[in-house]
Amino acid sequence: MDLPITGWHAHIYYDPATTKAAAEALRAGIAASFPDAALGRWHDVPVGPHTAAMFQVAFPPALFATLVPWMALRRGNLSVLVHPETGRQRADHTRHAVWMGAPLPLKVVILPE
């Protein structure tokens, strides 16, 4: 089944005590280089299916080819989950997802099928 990709999300994970400064630098670079990307709020505690602190970046499909490689070269030791928005949240966060760095566990059972 082909589902249209209406957008992309990147979840940038960090440890508030040790790697938040690196996450802040990455976030500032994204804001400066990709003004069409929408930066989400900081979550210094796990939220939703995410088991670590993170912030989200939402971006249109047209930015994928430039933003994702840019993040790959600048993320340092941060883990990043990139997933499409197809309307199938569980599949988007798992089967359709791309990880940069160490994958982190997700609480996928709370995501709708």
N, C-alpha and C. Protein backbone atom coordinates (compact mmCIF):
# COMPACT_ATOMS: atom_id res chain seq x y z
N MET A 1 0.85 -1.17 0.00
CA MET A 1 0.00 0.00 0.00
C MET A 1 0.90 1.24 0.00
N ASP A 2 0.69 2.11 -0.95
CA ASP A 2 1.44 3.36 -1.01
C ASP A 2 0.67 4.44 -0.28
N LEU A 3 1.29 4.98 0.75
CA LEU A 3 0.68 6.06 1.51
C LEU A 3 1.43 7.34 1.21
N PRO A 4 0.72 8.43 1.02
CA PRO A 4 1.44 9.68 0.76
C PRO A 4 2.17 10.17 2.02
N ILE A 5 3.36 10.67 1.82
CA ILE A 5 4.13 11.27 2.91
C ILE A 5 3.80 12.76 2.91
N THR A 6 3.13 13.19 3.96
CA THR A 6 2.71 14.60 4.04
C THR A 6 3.74 15.47 4.73
N GLY A 7 4.69 14.85 5.42
CA GLY A 7 5.74 15.59 6.11
C GLY A 7 6.68 14.61 6.77
N TRP A 8 7.67 15.16 7.45
CA TRP A 8 8.67 14.36 8.17
C TRP A 8 8.87 14.93 9.56
N HIS A 9 9.23 14.07 10.48
CA HIS A 9 9.63 14.49 11.83
C HIS A 9 11.01 13.93 12.13
N ALA A 10 11.81 14.73 12.80
CA ALA A 10 13.07 14.27 13.36
C ALA A 10 12.97 14.48 14.86
N HIS A 11 13.26 13.46 15.63
CA HIS A 11 13.30 13.55 17.08
C HIS A 11 14.77 13.49 17.47
N ILE A 12 15.25 14.57 18.07
CA ILE A 12 16.65 14.64 18.49
C ILE A 12 16.69 14.39 19.99
N TYR A 13 17.36 13.30 20.38
CA TYR A 13 17.40 12.88 21.77
C TYR A 13 18.68 13.39 22.43
N TYR A 14 18.55 13.71 23.72
CA TYR A 14 19.69 14.22 24.48
C TYR A 14 19.51 13.88 25.94
N ASP A 15 20.59 14.00 26.68
CA ASP A 15 20.56 13.86 28.13
C ASP A 15 20.63 15.28 28.69
N PRO A 16 19.63 15.72 29.46
CA PRO A 16 19.64 17.10 29.98
C PRO A 16 20.89 17.44 30.78
N ALA A 17 21.52 16.45 31.41
CA ALA A 17 22.69 16.72 32.25
C ALA A 17 24.00 16.75 31.46
N THR A 18 24.05 16.03 30.32
CA THR A 18 25.35 15.90 29.66
C THR A 18 25.39 16.31 28.19
N THR A 19 24.29 16.22 27.47
CA THR A 19 24.36 16.51 26.03
C THR A 19 23.36 17.57 25.56
N LYS A 20 22.75 18.29 26.50
CA LYS A 20 21.79 19.31 26.07
C LYS A 20 22.47 20.43 25.29
N ALA A 21 23.70 20.79 25.66
CA ALA A 21 24.41 21.84 24.93
C ALA A 21 24.62 21.43 23.47
N ALA A 22 24.94 20.17 23.23
CA ALA A 22 25.10 19.69 21.86
C ALA A 22 23.76 19.76 21.11
N ALA A 23 22.68 19.40 21.79
CA ALA A 23 21.35 19.48 21.19
C ALA A 23 20.98 20.93 20.89
N GLU A 24 21.33 21.83 21.79
CA GLU A 24 21.06 23.26 21.56
C GLU A 24 21.80 23.77 20.34
N ALA A 25 23.06 23.36 20.18
CA ALA A 25 23.85 23.79 19.02
C ALA A 25 23.25 23.24 17.72
N LEU A 26 22.84 21.97 17.73
CA LEU A 26 22.22 21.38 16.55
C LEU A 26 20.92 22.10 16.21
N ARG A 27 20.13 22.38 17.23
CA ARG A 27 18.86 23.08 17.04
C ARG A 27 19.07 24.46 16.45
N ALA A 28 20.05 25.19 16.96
CA ALA A 28 20.35 26.54 16.44
C ALA A 28 20.79 26.47 14.98
N GLY A 29 21.59 25.46 14.65
CA GLY A 29 22.01 25.28 13.26
C GLY A 29 20.85 24.97 12.34
N ILE A 30 19.93 24.14 12.80
CA ILE A 30 18.74 23.83 11.99
C ILE A 30 17.92 25.10 11.78
N ALA A 31 17.71 25.86 12.85
CA ALA A 31 16.92 27.09 12.74
C ALA A 31 17.55 28.06 11.75
N ALA A 32 18.86 28.20 11.78
CA ALA A 32 19.55 29.14 10.90
C ALA A 32 19.59 28.66 9.45
N SER A 33 19.74 27.35 9.25
CA SER A 33 19.92 26.82 7.91
C SER A 33 18.65 26.38 7.21
N PHE A 34 17.60 26.11 8.00
CA PHE A 34 16.36 25.56 7.44
C PHE A 34 15.14 26.28 8.02
N PRO A 35 14.91 27.52 7.58
CA PRO A 35 13.81 28.30 8.16
C PRO A 35 12.42 27.69 7.91
N ASP A 36 12.30 26.78 6.95
CA ASP A 36 11.00 26.14 6.70
C ASP A 36 10.74 24.96 7.63
N ALA A 37 11.72 24.60 8.45
CA ALA A 37 11.53 23.54 9.44
C ALA A 37 10.91 24.15 10.70
N ALA A 38 9.99 23.43 11.30
CA ALA A 38 9.33 23.89 12.53
C ALA A 38 9.95 23.18 13.73
N LEU A 39 10.51 23.97 14.64
CA LEU A 39 11.16 23.41 15.83
C LEU A 39 10.14 23.26 16.95
N GLY A 40 10.06 22.06 17.49
CA GLY A 40 9.15 21.79 18.60
C GLY A 40 9.77 22.17 19.93
N ARG A 41 8.97 22.02 20.97
CA ARG A 41 9.42 22.37 22.33
C ARG A 41 10.46 21.38 22.85
N TRP A 42 11.21 21.87 23.82
CA TRP A 42 12.14 21.00 24.55
C TRP A 42 11.33 20.13 25.50
N HIS A 43 11.71 18.88 25.58
CA HIS A 43 11.11 17.95 26.54
C HIS A 43 12.26 17.32 27.31
N ASP A 44 12.55 17.86 28.48
CA ASP A 44 13.66 17.36 29.30
C ASP A 44 13.32 16.05 30.02
N VAL A 45 12.11 15.58 29.84
CA VAL A 45 11.69 14.28 30.37
C VAL A 45 11.01 13.53 29.23
N PRO A 46 10.97 12.22 29.29
CA PRO A 46 10.32 11.45 28.22
C PRO A 46 8.85 11.83 28.07
N VAL A 47 8.39 11.90 26.82
CA VAL A 47 6.98 12.19 26.53
C VAL A 47 6.49 11.22 25.46
N GLY A 48 5.21 10.90 25.53
CA GLY A 48 4.62 10.02 24.53
C GLY A 48 5.38 8.71 24.43
N PRO A 49 5.66 8.29 23.20
CA PRO A 49 6.36 7.02 23.03
C PRO A 49 7.88 7.12 23.23
N HIS A 50 8.37 8.32 23.45
CA HIS A 50 9.81 8.55 23.54
C HIS A 50 10.30 8.29 24.96
N THR A 51 11.42 7.57 25.08
CA THR A 51 11.92 7.15 26.38
C THR A 51 13.12 7.98 26.85
N ALA A 52 13.37 9.08 26.16
CA ALA A 52 14.47 9.97 26.54
C ALA A 52 14.05 11.41 26.25
N ALA A 53 14.76 12.34 26.85
CA ALA A 53 14.52 13.76 26.57
C ALA A 53 14.75 14.00 25.08
N MET A 54 13.97 14.93 24.50
CA MET A 54 14.12 15.20 23.07
C MET A 54 13.42 16.49 22.69
N PHE A 55 13.73 16.94 21.47
CA PHE A 55 12.91 17.94 20.81
C PHE A 55 12.64 17.43 19.41
N GLN A 56 11.58 17.94 18.81
CA GLN A 56 11.17 17.47 17.49
C GLN A 56 11.38 18.58 16.47
N VAL A 57 11.68 18.17 15.26
CA VAL A 57 11.74 19.08 14.11
C VAL A 57 10.77 18.52 13.08
N ALA A 58 9.80 19.32 12.68
CA ALA A 58 8.87 18.94 11.62
C ALA A 58 9.29 19.66 10.35
N PHE A 59 9.28 18.93 9.24
CA PHE A 59 9.71 19.56 8.00
C PHE A 59 8.98 18.96 6.80
N PRO A 60 8.84 19.75 5.75
CA PRO A 60 8.13 19.27 4.56
C PRO A 60 8.99 18.29 3.76
N PRO A 61 8.35 17.44 2.96
CA PRO A 61 9.09 16.46 2.16
C PRO A 61 10.20 17.09 1.31
N ALA A 62 10.01 18.29 0.83
CA ALA A 62 11.01 18.93 -0.03
C ALA A 62 12.34 19.17 0.69
N LEU A 63 12.34 19.22 2.03
CA LEU A 63 13.58 19.44 2.78
C LEU A 63 14.34 18.17 3.11
N PHE A 64 13.73 17.01 2.91
CA PHE A 64 14.36 15.76 3.33
C PHE A 64 15.78 15.61 2.76
N ALA A 65 15.93 15.84 1.46
CA ALA A 65 17.21 15.58 0.80
C ALA A 65 18.34 16.49 1.28
N THR A 66 18.00 17.60 1.91
CA THR A 66 19.06 18.48 2.41
C THR A 66 19.17 18.46 3.93
N LEU A 67 18.04 18.45 4.63
CA LEU A 67 18.06 18.52 6.09
C LEU A 67 18.61 17.23 6.72
N VAL A 68 18.19 16.07 6.24
CA VAL A 68 18.63 14.81 6.85
C VAL A 68 20.14 14.61 6.70
N PRO A 69 20.72 14.79 5.51
CA PRO A 69 22.18 14.68 5.43
C PRO A 69 22.90 15.74 6.27
N TRP A 70 22.35 16.94 6.34
CA TRP A 70 22.93 18.01 7.17
C TRP A 70 22.98 17.55 8.62
N MET A 71 21.87 16.99 9.13
CA MET A 71 21.85 16.49 10.51
C MET A 71 22.81 15.34 10.70
N ALA A 72 22.91 14.45 9.71
CA ALA A 72 23.78 13.29 9.82
C ALA A 72 25.23 13.71 10.06
N LEU A 73 25.65 14.79 9.44
CA LEU A 73 27.02 15.26 9.58
C LEU A 73 27.26 16.13 10.80
N ARG A 74 26.20 16.61 11.45
CA ARG A 74 26.34 17.56 12.55
C ARG A 74 25.76 17.09 13.87
N ARG A 75 25.20 15.89 13.94
CA ARG A 75 24.52 15.43 15.15
C ARG A 75 25.49 15.01 16.25
N GLY A 76 26.76 14.85 15.93
CA GLY A 76 27.72 14.40 16.94
C GLY A 76 27.33 13.03 17.46
N ASN A 77 27.24 12.89 18.78
CA ASN A 77 26.85 11.62 19.40
C ASN A 77 25.37 11.53 19.71
N LEU A 78 24.58 12.49 19.27
CA LEU A 78 23.14 12.47 19.55
C LEU A 78 22.45 11.43 18.67
N SER A 79 21.47 10.77 19.23
CA SER A 79 20.62 9.86 18.45
C SER A 79 19.48 10.66 17.86
N VAL A 80 19.15 10.35 16.62
CA VAL A 80 18.08 11.05 15.91
C VAL A 80 17.18 10.01 15.24
N LEU A 81 15.90 10.12 15.49
CA LEU A 81 14.89 9.30 14.82
C LEU A 81 14.22 10.17 13.77
N VAL A 82 14.25 9.74 12.53
CA VAL A 82 13.58 10.45 11.43
C VAL A 82 12.47 9.54 10.93
N HIS A 83 11.27 10.08 10.84
CA HIS A 83 10.16 9.26 10.35
C HIS A 83 9.21 10.09 9.51
N PRO A 84 8.54 9.43 8.56
CA PRO A 84 7.56 10.13 7.73
C PRO A 84 6.25 10.31 8.48
N GLU A 85 5.45 11.19 7.97
CA GLU A 85 4.08 11.37 8.44
C GLU A 85 3.15 10.82 7.35
N THR A 86 2.60 9.63 7.60
CA THR A 86 1.67 9.02 6.64
C THR A 86 0.28 8.86 7.22
N GLY A 87 0.13 9.19 8.51
CA GLY A 87 -1.14 8.96 9.19
C GLY A 87 -1.18 7.64 9.93
N ARG A 88 -0.12 6.84 9.81
CA ARG A 88 -0.03 5.56 10.53
C ARG A 88 1.09 5.69 11.55
N GLN A 89 0.75 6.22 12.72
CA GLN A 89 1.77 6.60 13.70
C GLN A 89 2.69 5.46 14.12
N ARG A 90 2.13 4.30 14.40
CA ARG A 90 2.98 3.20 14.87
C ARG A 90 3.96 2.78 13.76
N ALA A 91 3.46 2.59 12.57
CA ALA A 91 4.33 2.20 11.45
C ALA A 91 5.34 3.31 11.15
N ASP A 92 4.92 4.56 11.23
CA ASP A 92 5.84 5.67 10.94
C ASP A 92 7.00 5.70 11.92
N HIS A 93 6.74 5.41 13.20
CA HIS A 93 7.78 5.45 14.22
C HIS A 93 8.63 4.17 14.26
N THR A 94 8.20 3.12 13.53
CA THR A 94 8.92 1.85 13.58
C THR A 94 9.36 1.41 12.18
N ARG A 95 8.45 0.81 11.44
CA ARG A 95 8.79 0.25 10.13
C ARG A 95 9.32 1.28 9.15
N HIS A 96 8.79 2.48 9.18
CA HIS A 96 9.18 3.51 8.21
C HIS A 96 10.29 4.42 8.72
N ALA A 97 10.79 4.17 9.90
CA ALA A 97 11.74 5.08 10.56
C ALA A 97 13.18 4.83 10.13
N VAL A 98 13.98 5.89 10.25
CA VAL A 98 15.41 5.84 10.00
C VAL A 98 16.10 6.37 11.25
N TRP A 99 17.09 5.64 11.75
CA TRP A 99 17.84 6.08 12.93
C TRP A 99 19.22 6.56 12.52
N MET A 100 19.65 7.63 13.14
CA MET A 100 21.04 8.07 13.06
C MET A 100 21.57 7.96 14.48
N GLY A 101 22.67 7.24 14.65
CA GLY A 101 23.18 6.98 15.98
C GLY A 101 22.49 5.78 16.59
N ALA A 102 22.69 5.62 17.88
CA ALA A 102 22.13 4.46 18.58
C ALA A 102 20.61 4.56 18.66
N PRO A 103 19.90 3.53 18.20
CA PRO A 103 18.44 3.53 18.35
C PRO A 103 18.06 3.44 19.83
N LEU A 104 17.01 4.14 20.18
CA LEU A 104 16.50 4.11 21.55
C LEU A 104 15.18 3.35 21.57
N PRO A 105 14.85 2.72 22.68
CA PRO A 105 13.56 2.04 22.74
C PRO A 105 12.42 3.06 22.70
N LEU A 106 11.33 2.65 22.10
CA LEU A 106 10.11 3.47 22.06
C LEU A 106 8.98 2.67 22.69
N LYS A 107 8.05 3.38 23.32
CA LYS A 107 6.84 2.75 23.84
C LYS A 107 5.80 2.74 22.73
N VAL A 108 5.97 1.87 21.75
CA VAL A 108 5.12 1.90 20.57
C VAL A 108 3.69 1.45 20.85
N VAL A 109 3.47 0.72 21.93
CA VAL A 109 2.11 0.24 22.21
C VAL A 109 1.14 1.39 22.44
N ILE A 110 1.64 2.56 22.79
CA ILE A 110 0.73 3.70 23.02
C ILE A 110 0.38 4.42 21.72
N LEU A 111 1.05 4.09 20.63
CA LEU A 111 0.76 4.71 19.34
C LEU A 111 -0.35 3.95 18.63
N PRO A 112 -1.29 4.67 18.03
CA PRO A 112 -2.33 3.97 17.28
C PRO A 112 -1.74 3.25 16.07
N GLU A 113 -2.37 2.13 15.71
CA GLU A 113 -1.93 1.36 14.53
C GLU A 113 -2.09 2.18 13.27
